[in-house]
Amino acid sequence: MAVAEAVINGSSEVLPGVFTDIVVEVGKIGNWLQALGLIVILWIVFQVIALIVNRKNRKRIKAMRARIQEMDKKLDKIIRQLNKNNIKKK
């Protein structure tokens, strides 16, 4: 009986150490997951900011494109008029 009690007592002393080691390892994994989550959240925030900035830039480019097209039409009209005038003078 003494041997059985020694084995049971010995195993009860070993098991808390094993559980402690498991809890420590799970805690380390938890810290890594928290760090990974923080990185993902920061990446999402960066992507949202980039989307907003790109959208503003696209609006500016679209407005510039419209103004350029208007200028192009006016220049074409002026060139046609100049060409008509040059043909009439000859």
PDB file of N, CA and C in Angstrom:
ATOM      1  N   MET A   1       0.779  -1.180   0.000  1.00  0.00           N
ATOM      2  CA  MET A   1       0.000   0.000   0.000  1.00  0.00           C
ATOM      3  C   MET A   1       0.832   1.261   0.000  1.00  0.00           C
ATOM      4  N   ALA A   2       1.932   1.217   0.596  1.00  0.00           N
ATOM      5  CA  ALA A   2       2.814   2.370   0.664  1.00  0.00           C
ATOM      6  C   ALA A   2       3.335   2.729  -0.723  1.00  0.00           C
ATOM      7  N   VAL A   3       3.575   1.683  -1.505  1.00  0.00           N
ATOM      8  CA  VAL A   3       4.064   1.932  -2.857  1.00  0.00           C
ATOM      9  C   VAL A   3       2.966   2.595  -3.690  1.00  0.00           C
ATOM     10  N   ALA A   4       1.744   2.136  -3.546  1.00  0.00           N
ATOM     11  CA  ALA A   4       0.635   2.701  -4.298  1.00  0.00           C
ATOM     12  C   ALA A   4       0.393   4.150  -3.901  1.00  0.00           C
ATOM     13  N   GLU A   5       0.503   4.408  -2.590  1.00  0.00           N
ATOM     14  CA  GLU A   5       0.328   5.795  -2.128  1.00  0.00           C
ATOM     15  C   GLU A   5       1.456   6.679  -2.646  1.00  0.00           C
ATOM     16  N   ALA A   6       2.656   6.153  -2.704  1.00  0.00           N
ATOM     17  CA  ALA A   6       3.791   6.929  -3.209  1.00  0.00           C
ATOM     18  C   ALA A   6       3.608   7.247  -4.692  1.00  0.00           C
ATOM     19  N   VAL A   7       3.103   6.279  -5.458  1.00  0.00           N
ATOM     20  CA  VAL A   7       2.884   6.503  -6.892  1.00  0.00           C
ATOM     21  C   VAL A   7       1.785   7.533  -7.079  1.00  0.00           C
ATOM     22  N   ILE A   8       0.697   7.411  -6.308  1.00  0.00           N
ATOM     23  CA  ILE A   8      -0.415   8.367  -6.437  1.00  0.00           C
ATOM     24  C   ILE A   8       0.040   9.751  -6.017  1.00  0.00           C
ATOM     25  N   ASN A   9       0.740   9.851  -4.885  1.00  0.00           N
ATOM     26  CA  ASN A   9       1.229  11.150  -4.423  1.00  0.00           C
ATOM     27  C   ASN A   9       2.250  11.734  -5.406  1.00  0.00           C
ATOM     28  N   GLY A  10       3.100  10.894  -5.933  1.00  0.00           N
ATOM     29  CA  GLY A  10       4.098  11.356  -6.907  1.00  0.00           C
ATOM     30  C   GLY A  10       3.449  11.848  -8.178  1.00  0.00           C
ATOM     31  N   SER A  11       2.409  11.130  -8.632  1.00  0.00           N
ATOM     32  CA  SER A  11       1.750  11.540  -9.863  1.00  0.00           C
ATOM     33  C   SER A  11       0.960  12.833  -9.637  1.00  0.00           C
ATOM     34  N   SER A  12       0.427  13.036  -8.451  1.00  0.00           N
ATOM     35  CA  SER A  12      -0.321  14.263  -8.187  1.00  0.00           C
ATOM     36  C   SER A  12       0.622  15.458  -8.150  1.00  0.00           C
ATOM     37  N   GLU A  13       1.876  15.214  -7.793  1.00  0.00           N
ATOM     38  CA  GLU A  13       2.851  16.312  -7.804  1.00  0.00           C
ATOM     39  C   GLU A  13       3.307  16.612  -9.232  1.00  0.00           C
ATOM     40  N   VAL A  14       3.347  15.605 -10.081  1.00  0.00           N
ATOM     41  CA  VAL A  14       3.785  15.781 -11.462  1.00  0.00           C
ATOM     42  C   VAL A  14       2.691  16.437 -12.297  1.00  0.00           C
ATOM     43  N   LEU A  15       1.432  16.021 -12.079  1.00  0.00           N
ATOM     44  CA  LEU A  15       0.337  16.532 -12.887  1.00  0.00           C
ATOM     45  C   LEU A  15       0.167  18.049 -12.791  1.00  0.00           C
ATOM     46  N   PRO A  16       0.221  18.656 -11.613  1.00  0.00           N
ATOM     47  CA  PRO A  16       0.098  20.116 -11.585  1.00  0.00           C
ATOM     48  C   PRO A  16       1.218  20.795 -12.381  1.00  0.00           C
ATOM     49  N   GLY A  17       2.411  20.233 -12.383  1.00  0.00           N
ATOM     50  CA  GLY A  17       3.502  20.791 -13.181  1.00  0.00           C
ATOM     51  C   GLY A  17       3.206  20.693 -14.660  1.00  0.00           C
ATOM     52  N   VAL A  18       2.633  19.567 -15.089  1.00  0.00           N
ATOM     53  CA  VAL A  18       2.279  19.377 -16.491  1.00  0.00           C
ATOM     54  C   VAL A  18       1.173  20.357 -16.883  1.00  0.00           C
ATOM     55  N   PHE A  19       0.169  20.472 -16.026  1.00  0.00           N
ATOM     56  CA  PHE A  19      -0.909  21.420 -16.301  1.00  0.00           C
ATOM     57  C   PHE A  19      -0.399  22.849 -16.354  1.00  0.00           C
ATOM     58  N   THR A  20       0.518  23.170 -15.472  1.00  0.00           N
ATOM     59  CA  THR A  20       1.107  24.517 -15.466  1.00  0.00           C
ATOM     60  C   THR A  20       1.854  24.771 -16.767  1.00  0.00           C
ATOM     61  N   ASP A  21       2.607  23.758 -17.208  1.00  0.00           N
ATOM     62  CA  ASP A  21       3.327  23.914 -18.474  1.00  0.00           C
ATOM     63  C   ASP A  21       2.358  24.092 -19.647  1.00  0.00           C
ATOM     64  N   ILE A  22       1.272  23.331 -19.623  1.00  0.00           N
ATOM     65  CA  ILE A  22       0.277  23.443 -20.698  1.00  0.00           C
ATOM     66  C   ILE A  22      -0.360  24.827 -20.681  1.00  0.00           C
ATOM     67  N   VAL A  23      -0.697  25.312 -19.493  1.00  0.00           N
ATOM     68  CA  VAL A  23      -1.313  26.641 -19.380  1.00  0.00           C
ATOM     69  C   VAL A  23      -0.344  27.720 -19.853  1.00  0.00           C
ATOM     70  N   VAL A  24       0.931  27.574 -19.523  1.00  0.00           N
ATOM     71  CA  VAL A  24       1.933  28.545 -19.974  1.00  0.00           C
ATOM     72  C   VAL A  24       2.040  28.532 -21.498  1.00  0.00           C
ATOM     73  N   GLU A  25       2.062  27.351 -22.094  1.00  0.00           N
ATOM     74  CA  GLU A  25       2.150  27.250 -23.557  1.00  0.00           C
ATOM     75  C   GLU A  25       0.905  27.835 -24.227  1.00  0.00           C
ATOM     76  N   VAL A  26      -0.274  27.537 -23.649  1.00  0.00           N
ATOM     77  CA  VAL A  26      -1.514  28.099 -24.199  1.00  0.00           C
ATOM     78  C   VAL A  26      -1.492  29.618 -24.057  1.00  0.00           C
ATOM     79  N   GLY A  27      -0.950  30.115 -22.958  1.00  0.00           N
ATOM     80  CA  GLY A  27      -0.821  31.563 -22.764  1.00  0.00           C
ATOM     81  C   GLY A  27       0.079  32.191 -23.814  1.00  0.00           C
ATOM     82  N   LYS A  28       1.173  31.504 -24.159  1.00  0.00           N
ATOM     83  CA  LYS A  28       2.071  32.018 -25.203  1.00  0.00           C
ATOM     84  C   LYS A  28       1.357  32.065 -26.543  1.00  0.00           C
ATOM     85  N   ILE A  29       0.593  31.014 -26.831  1.00  0.00           N
ATOM     86  CA  ILE A  29      -0.178  30.985 -28.081  1.00  0.00           C
ATOM     87  C   ILE A  29      -1.203  32.115 -28.074  1.00  0.00           C
ATOM     88  N   GLY A  30      -1.817  32.338 -26.925  1.00  0.00           N
ATOM     89  CA  GLY A  30      -2.787  33.432 -26.802  1.00  0.00           C
ATOM     90  C   GLY A  30      -2.144  34.784 -27.072  1.00  0.00           C
ATOM     91  N   ASN A  31      -0.922  34.990 -26.571  1.00  0.00           N
ATOM     92  CA  ASN A  31      -0.217  36.251 -26.825  1.00  0.00           C
ATOM     93  C   ASN A  31       0.075  36.426 -28.310  1.00  0.00           C
ATOM     94  N   TRP A  32       0.475  35.333 -28.970  1.00  0.00           N
ATOM     95  CA  TRP A  32       0.740  35.400 -30.411  1.00  0.00           C
ATOM     96  C   TRP A  32      -0.535  35.725 -31.176  1.00  0.00           C
ATOM     97  N   LEU A  33      -1.648  35.121 -30.760  1.00  0.00           N
ATOM     98  CA  LEU A  33      -2.922  35.394 -31.426  1.00  0.00           C
ATOM     99  C   LEU A  33      -3.360  36.840 -31.222  1.00  0.00           C
ATOM    100  N   GLN A  34      -3.110  37.377 -30.027  1.00  0.00           N
ATOM    101  CA  GLN A  34      -3.431  38.781 -29.780  1.00  0.00           C
ATOM    102  C   GLN A  34      -2.592  39.684 -30.670  1.00  0.00           C
ATOM    103  N   ALA A  35      -1.315  39.393 -30.779  1.00  0.00           N
ATOM    104  CA  ALA A  35      -0.432  40.190 -31.637  1.00  0.00           C
ATOM    105  C   ALA A  35      -0.881  40.099 -33.090  1.00  0.00           C
ATOM    106  N   LEU A  36      -1.223  38.912 -33.531  1.00  0.00           N
ATOM    107  CA  LEU A  36      -1.696  38.723 -34.895  1.00  0.00           C
ATOM    108  C   LEU A  36      -3.002  39.488 -35.131  1.00  0.00           C
ATOM    109  N   GLY A  37      -3.896  39.442 -34.173  1.00  0.00           N
ATOM    110  CA  GLY A  37      -5.152  40.185 -34.264  1.00  0.00           C
ATOM    111  C   GLY A  37      -4.921  41.682 -34.346  1.00  0.00           C
ATOM    112  N   LEU A  38      -3.983  42.184 -33.567  1.00  0.00           N
ATOM    113  CA  LEU A  38      -3.652  43.604 -33.597  1.00  0.00           C
ATOM    114  C   LEU A  38      -3.098  43.996 -34.964  1.00  0.00           C
ATOM    115  N   ILE A  39      -2.250  43.154 -35.522  1.00  0.00           N
ATOM    116  CA  ILE A  39      -1.686  43.425 -36.852  1.00  0.00           C
ATOM    117  C   ILE A  39      -2.800  43.445 -37.897  1.00  0.00           C
ATOM    118  N   VAL A  40      -3.727  42.509 -37.813  1.00  0.00           N
ATOM    119  CA  VAL A  40      -4.838  42.455 -38.768  1.00  0.00           C
ATOM    120  C   VAL A  40      -5.706  43.706 -38.643  1.00  0.00           C
ATOM    121  N   ILE A  41      -5.990  44.128 -37.427  1.00  0.00           N
ATOM    122  CA  ILE A  41      -6.809  45.329 -37.217  1.00  0.00           C
ATOM    123  C   ILE A  41      -6.098  46.556 -37.775  1.00  0.00           C
ATOM    124  N   LEU A  42      -4.804  46.697 -37.511  1.00  0.00           N
ATOM    125  CA  LEU A  42      -4.050  47.826 -38.055  1.00  0.00           C
ATOM    126  C   LEU A  42      -4.030  47.799 -39.580  1.00  0.00           C
ATOM    127  N   TRP A  43      -3.909  46.619 -40.165  1.00  0.00           N
ATOM    128  CA  TRP A  43      -3.916  46.491 -41.626  1.00  0.00           C
ATOM    129  C   TRP A  43      -5.262  46.932 -42.195  1.00  0.00           C
ATOM    130  N   ILE A  44      -6.352  46.528 -41.534  1.00  0.00           N
ATOM    131  CA  ILE A  44      -7.689  46.917 -41.992  1.00  0.00           C
ATOM    132  C   ILE A  44      -7.856  48.430 -41.917  1.00  0.00           C
ATOM    133  N   VAL A  45      -7.399  49.030 -40.819  1.00  0.00           N
ATOM    134  CA  VAL A  45      -7.488  50.484 -40.677  1.00  0.00           C
ATOM    135  C   VAL A  45      -6.696  51.166 -41.788  1.00  0.00           C
ATOM    136  N   PHE A  46      -5.498  50.675 -42.058  1.00  0.00           N
ATOM    137  CA  PHE A  46      -4.673  51.245 -43.125  1.00  0.00           C
ATOM    138  C   PHE A  46      -5.372  51.123 -44.470  1.00  0.00           C
ATOM    139  N   GLN A  47      -5.997  49.999 -44.741  1.00  0.00           N
ATOM    140  CA  GLN A  47      -6.690  49.796 -46.008  1.00  0.00           C
ATOM    141  C   GLN A  47      -7.889  50.744 -46.150  1.00  0.00           C
ATOM    142  N   VAL A  48      -8.607  50.983 -45.069  1.00  0.00           N
ATOM    143  CA  VAL A  48      -9.747  51.902 -45.116  1.00  0.00           C
ATOM    144  C   VAL A  48      -9.255  53.317 -45.418  1.00  0.00           C
ATOM    145  N   ILE A  49      -8.169  53.726 -44.748  1.00  0.00           N
ATOM    146  CA  ILE A  49      -7.608  55.060 -44.997  1.00  0.00           C
ATOM    147  C   ILE A  49      -7.138  55.170 -46.445  1.00  0.00           C
ATOM    148  N   ALA A  50      -6.466  54.151 -46.941  1.00  0.00           N
ATOM    149  CA  ALA A  50      -5.998  54.167 -48.332  1.00  0.00           C
ATOM    150  C   ALA A  50      -7.180  54.226 -49.299  1.00  0.00           C
ATOM    151  N   LEU A  51      -8.255  53.531 -49.001  1.00  0.00           N
ATOM    152  CA  LEU A  51      -9.445  53.562 -49.848  1.00  0.00           C
ATOM    153  C   LEU A  51     -10.030  54.962 -49.912  1.00  0.00           C
ATOM    154  N   ILE A  52     -10.109  55.624 -48.771  1.00  0.00           N
ATOM    155  CA  ILE A  52     -10.660  56.983 -48.728  1.00  0.00           C
ATOM    156  C   ILE A  52      -9.783  57.938 -49.531  1.00  0.00           C
ATOM    157  N   VAL A  53      -8.471  57.856 -49.329  1.00  0.00           N
ATOM    158  CA  VAL A  53      -7.554  58.742 -50.049  1.00  0.00           C
ATOM    159  C   VAL A  53      -7.619  58.473 -51.549  1.00  0.00           C
ATOM    160  N   ASN A  54      -7.633  57.216 -51.943  1.00  0.00           N
ATOM    161  CA  ASN A  54      -7.716  56.877 -53.364  1.00  0.00           C
ATOM    162  C   ASN A  54      -9.023  57.349 -53.982  1.00  0.00           C
ATOM    163  N   ARG A  55     -10.087  57.280 -53.234  1.00  0.00           N
ATOM    164  CA  ARG A  55     -11.383  57.725 -53.750  1.00  0.00           C
ATOM    165  C   ARG A  55     -11.361  59.225 -54.018  1.00  0.00           C
ATOM    166  N   LYS A  56     -10.765  59.983 -53.086  1.00  0.00           N
ATOM    167  CA  LYS A  56     -10.647  61.430 -53.290  1.00  0.00           C
ATOM    168  C   LYS A  56      -9.792  61.724 -54.515  1.00  0.00           C
ATOM    169  N   ASN A  57      -8.700  60.999 -54.665  1.00  0.00           N
ATOM    170  CA  ASN A  57      -7.831  61.211 -55.831  1.00  0.00           C
ATOM    171  C   ASN A  57      -8.556  60.868 -57.129  1.00  0.00           C
ATOM    172  N   ARG A  58      -9.330  59.793 -57.122  1.00  0.00           N
ATOM    173  CA  ARG A  58     -10.081  59.422 -58.324  1.00  0.00           C
ATOM    174  C   ARG A  58     -11.105  60.491 -58.697  1.00  0.00           C
ATOM    175  N   LYS A  59     -11.745  61.096 -57.693  1.00  0.00           N
ATOM    176  CA  LYS A  59     -12.703  62.175 -57.970  1.00  0.00           C
ATOM    177  C   LYS A  59     -11.984  63.371 -58.598  1.00  0.00           C
ATOM    178  N   ARG A  60     -10.812  63.711 -58.059  1.00  0.00           N
ATOM    179  CA  ARG A  60     -10.047  64.822 -58.618  1.00  0.00           C
ATOM    180  C   ARG A  60      -9.643  64.526 -60.065  1.00  0.00           C
ATOM    181  N   ILE A  61      -9.187  63.326 -60.309  1.00  0.00           N
ATOM    182  CA  ILE A  61      -8.764  62.952 -61.665  1.00  0.00           C
ATOM    183  C   ILE A  61      -9.955  62.988 -62.621  1.00  0.00           C
ATOM    184  N   LYS A  62     -11.107  62.529 -62.162  1.00  0.00           N
ATOM    185  CA  LYS A  62     -12.298  62.541 -63.009  1.00  0.00           C
ATOM    186  C   LYS A  62     -12.689  63.976 -63.354  1.00  0.00           C
ATOM    187  N   ALA A  63     -12.619  64.872 -62.375  1.00  0.00           N
ATOM    188  CA  ALA A  63     -12.942  66.278 -62.629  1.00  0.00           C
ATOM    189  C   ALA A  63     -11.935  66.886 -63.602  1.00  0.00           C
ATOM    190  N   MET A  64     -10.666  66.576 -63.447  1.00  0.00           N
ATOM    191  CA  MET A  64      -9.641  67.082 -64.358  1.00  0.00           C
ATOM    192  C   MET A  64      -9.874  66.548 -65.765  1.00  0.00           C
ATOM    193  N   ARG A  65     -10.234  65.293 -65.877  1.00  0.00           N
ATOM    194  CA  ARG A  65     -10.489  64.691 -67.185  1.00  0.00           C
ATOM    195  C   ARG A  65     -11.643  65.405 -67.887  1.00  0.00           C
ATOM    196  N   ALA A  66     -12.692  65.734 -67.132  1.00  0.00           N
ATOM    197  CA  ALA A  66     -13.836  66.443 -67.721  1.00  0.00           C
ATOM    198  C   ALA A  66     -13.410  67.828 -68.203  1.00  0.00           C
ATOM    199  N   ARG A  67     -12.596  68.523 -67.387  1.00  0.00           N
ATOM    200  CA  ARG A  67     -12.132  69.853 -67.805  1.00  0.00           C
ATOM    201  C   ARG A  67     -11.237  69.770 -69.036  1.00  0.00           C
ATOM    202  N   ILE A  68     -10.409  68.764 -69.092  1.00  0.00           N
ATOM    203  CA  ILE A  68      -9.522  68.583 -70.250  1.00  0.00           C
ATOM    204  C   ILE A  68     -10.343  68.309 -71.504  1.00  0.00           C
ATOM    205  N   GLN A  69     -11.389  67.510 -71.395  1.00  0.00           N
ATOM    206  CA  GLN A  69     -12.243  67.233 -72.547  1.00  0.00           C
ATOM    207  C   GLN A  69     -12.935  68.502 -73.040  1.00  0.00           C
ATOM    208  N   GLU A  70     -13.377  69.337 -72.099  1.00  0.00           N
ATOM    209  CA  GLU A  70     -13.995  70.608 -72.491  1.00  0.00           C
ATOM    210  C   GLU A  70     -12.988  71.488 -73.229  1.00  0.00           C
ATOM    211  N   MET A  71     -11.772  71.566 -72.695  1.00  0.00           N
ATOM    212  CA  MET A  71     -10.741  72.363 -73.353  1.00  0.00           C
ATOM    213  C   MET A  71     -10.408  71.806 -74.731  1.00  0.00           C
ATOM    214  N   ASP A  72     -10.390  70.504 -74.845  1.00  0.00           N
ATOM    215  CA  ASP A  72     -10.090  69.867 -76.126  1.00  0.00           C
ATOM    216  C   ASP A  72     -11.151  70.210 -77.167  1.00  0.00           C
ATOM    217  N   LYS A  73     -12.414  70.179 -76.748  1.00  0.00           N
ATOM    218  CA  LYS A  73     -13.498  70.541 -77.666  1.00  0.00           C
ATOM    219  C   LYS A  73     -13.354  71.996 -78.121  1.00  0.00           C
ATOM    220  N   LYS A  74     -13.052  72.888 -77.178  1.00  0.00           N
ATOM    221  CA  LYS A  74     -12.894  74.300 -77.523  1.00  0.00           C
ATOM    222  C   LYS A  74     -11.712  74.503 -78.464  1.00  0.00           C
ATOM    223  N   LEU A  75     -10.620  73.812 -78.193  1.00  0.00           N
ATOM    224  CA  LEU A  75      -9.452  73.927 -79.061  1.00  0.00           C
ATOM    225  C   LEU A  75      -9.752  73.379 -80.459  1.00  0.00           C
ATOM    226  N   ASP A  76     -10.476  72.285 -80.533  1.00  0.00           N
ATOM    227  CA  ASP A  76     -10.858  71.736 -81.843  1.00  0.00           C
ATOM    228  C   ASP A  76     -11.703  72.745 -82.623  1.00  0.00           C
ATOM    229  N   LYS A  77     -12.613  73.398 -81.926  1.00  0.00           N
ATOM    230  CA  LYS A  77     -13.472  74.397 -82.568  1.00  0.00           C
ATOM    231  C   LYS A  77     -12.624  75.564 -83.086  1.00  0.00           C
ATOM    232  N   ILE A  78     -11.680  76.015 -82.278  1.00  0.00           N
ATOM    233  CA  ILE A  78     -10.801  77.115 -82.678  1.00  0.00           C
ATOM    234  C   ILE A  78      -9.947  76.705 -83.874  1.00  0.00           C
ATOM    235  N   ILE A  79      -9.411  75.509 -83.862  1.00  0.00           N
ATOM    236  CA  ILE A  79      -8.572  75.029 -84.970  1.00  0.00           C
ATOM    237  C   ILE A  79      -9.388  74.935 -86.250  1.00  0.00           C
ATOM    238  N   ARG A  80     -10.630  74.449 -86.161  1.00  0.00           N
ATOM    239  CA  ARG A  80     -11.488  74.362 -87.343  1.00  0.00           C
ATOM    240  C   ARG A  80     -11.762  75.751 -87.922  1.00  0.00           C
ATOM    241  N   GLN A  81     -12.012  76.702 -87.016  1.00  0.00           N
ATOM    242  CA  GLN A  81     -12.264  78.062 -87.483  1.00  0.00           C
ATOM    243  C   GLN A  81     -11.028  78.649 -88.145  1.00  0.00           C
ATOM    244  N   LEU A  82      -9.853  78.406 -87.581  1.00  0.00           N
ATOM    245  CA  LEU A  82      -8.612  78.908 -88.171  1.00  0.00           C
ATOM    246  C   LEU A  82      -8.365  78.267 -89.519  1.00  0.00           C
ATOM    247  N   ASN A  83      -8.639  76.971 -89.617  1.00  0.00           N
ATOM    248  CA  ASN A  83      -8.464  76.287 -90.899  1.00  0.00           C
ATOM    249  C   ASN A  83      -9.420  76.830 -91.956  1.00  0.00           C
ATOM    250  N   LYS A  84     -10.646  77.116 -91.596  1.00  0.00           N
ATOM    251  CA  LYS A  84     -11.625  77.693 -92.534  1.00  0.00           C
ATOM    252  C   LYS A  84     -11.160  79.069 -93.000  1.00  0.00           C
ATOM    253  N   ASN A  85     -10.660  79.860 -92.052  1.00  0.00           N
ATOM    254  CA  ASN A  85     -10.193  81.199 -92.397  1.00  0.00           C
ATOM    255  C   ASN A  85      -8.978  81.155 -93.319  1.00  0.00           C
ATOM    256  N   ASN A  86      -8.073  80.210 -93.087  1.00  0.00           N
ATOM    257  CA  ASN A  86      -6.886  80.079 -93.927  1.00  0.00           C
ATOM    258  C   ASN A  86      -7.259  79.612 -95.328  1.00  0.00           C
ATOM    259  N   ILE A  87      -8.244  78.768 -95.443  1.00  0.00           N
ATOM    260  CA  ILE A  87      -8.674  78.271 -96.759  1.00  0.00           C
ATOM    261  C   ILE A  87      -9.341  79.412 -97.533  1.00  0.00           C
ATOM    262  N   LYS A  88     -10.128  80.243 -96.869  1.00  0.00           N
ATOM    263  CA  LYS A  88     -10.825  81.359 -97.508  1.00  0.00           C
ATOM    264  C   LYS A  88      -9.831  82.404 -98.003  1.00  0.00           C
ATOM    265  N   LYS A  89      -8.744  82.617 -97.269  1.00  0.00           N
ATOM    266  CA  LYS A  89      -7.754  83.633 -97.633  1.00  0.00           C
ATOM    267  C   LYS A  89      -6.965  83.216 -98.868  1.00  0.00           C
ATOM    268  N   LYS A  90      -6.812  81.973 -99.100  1.00  0.00           N
ATOM    269  CA  LYS A  90      -5.998  81.499-100.231  1.00  0.00           C
ATOM    270  C   LYS A  90      -6.776  81.600-101.458  1.00  0.00           C
TER     271      LYS A  90
END
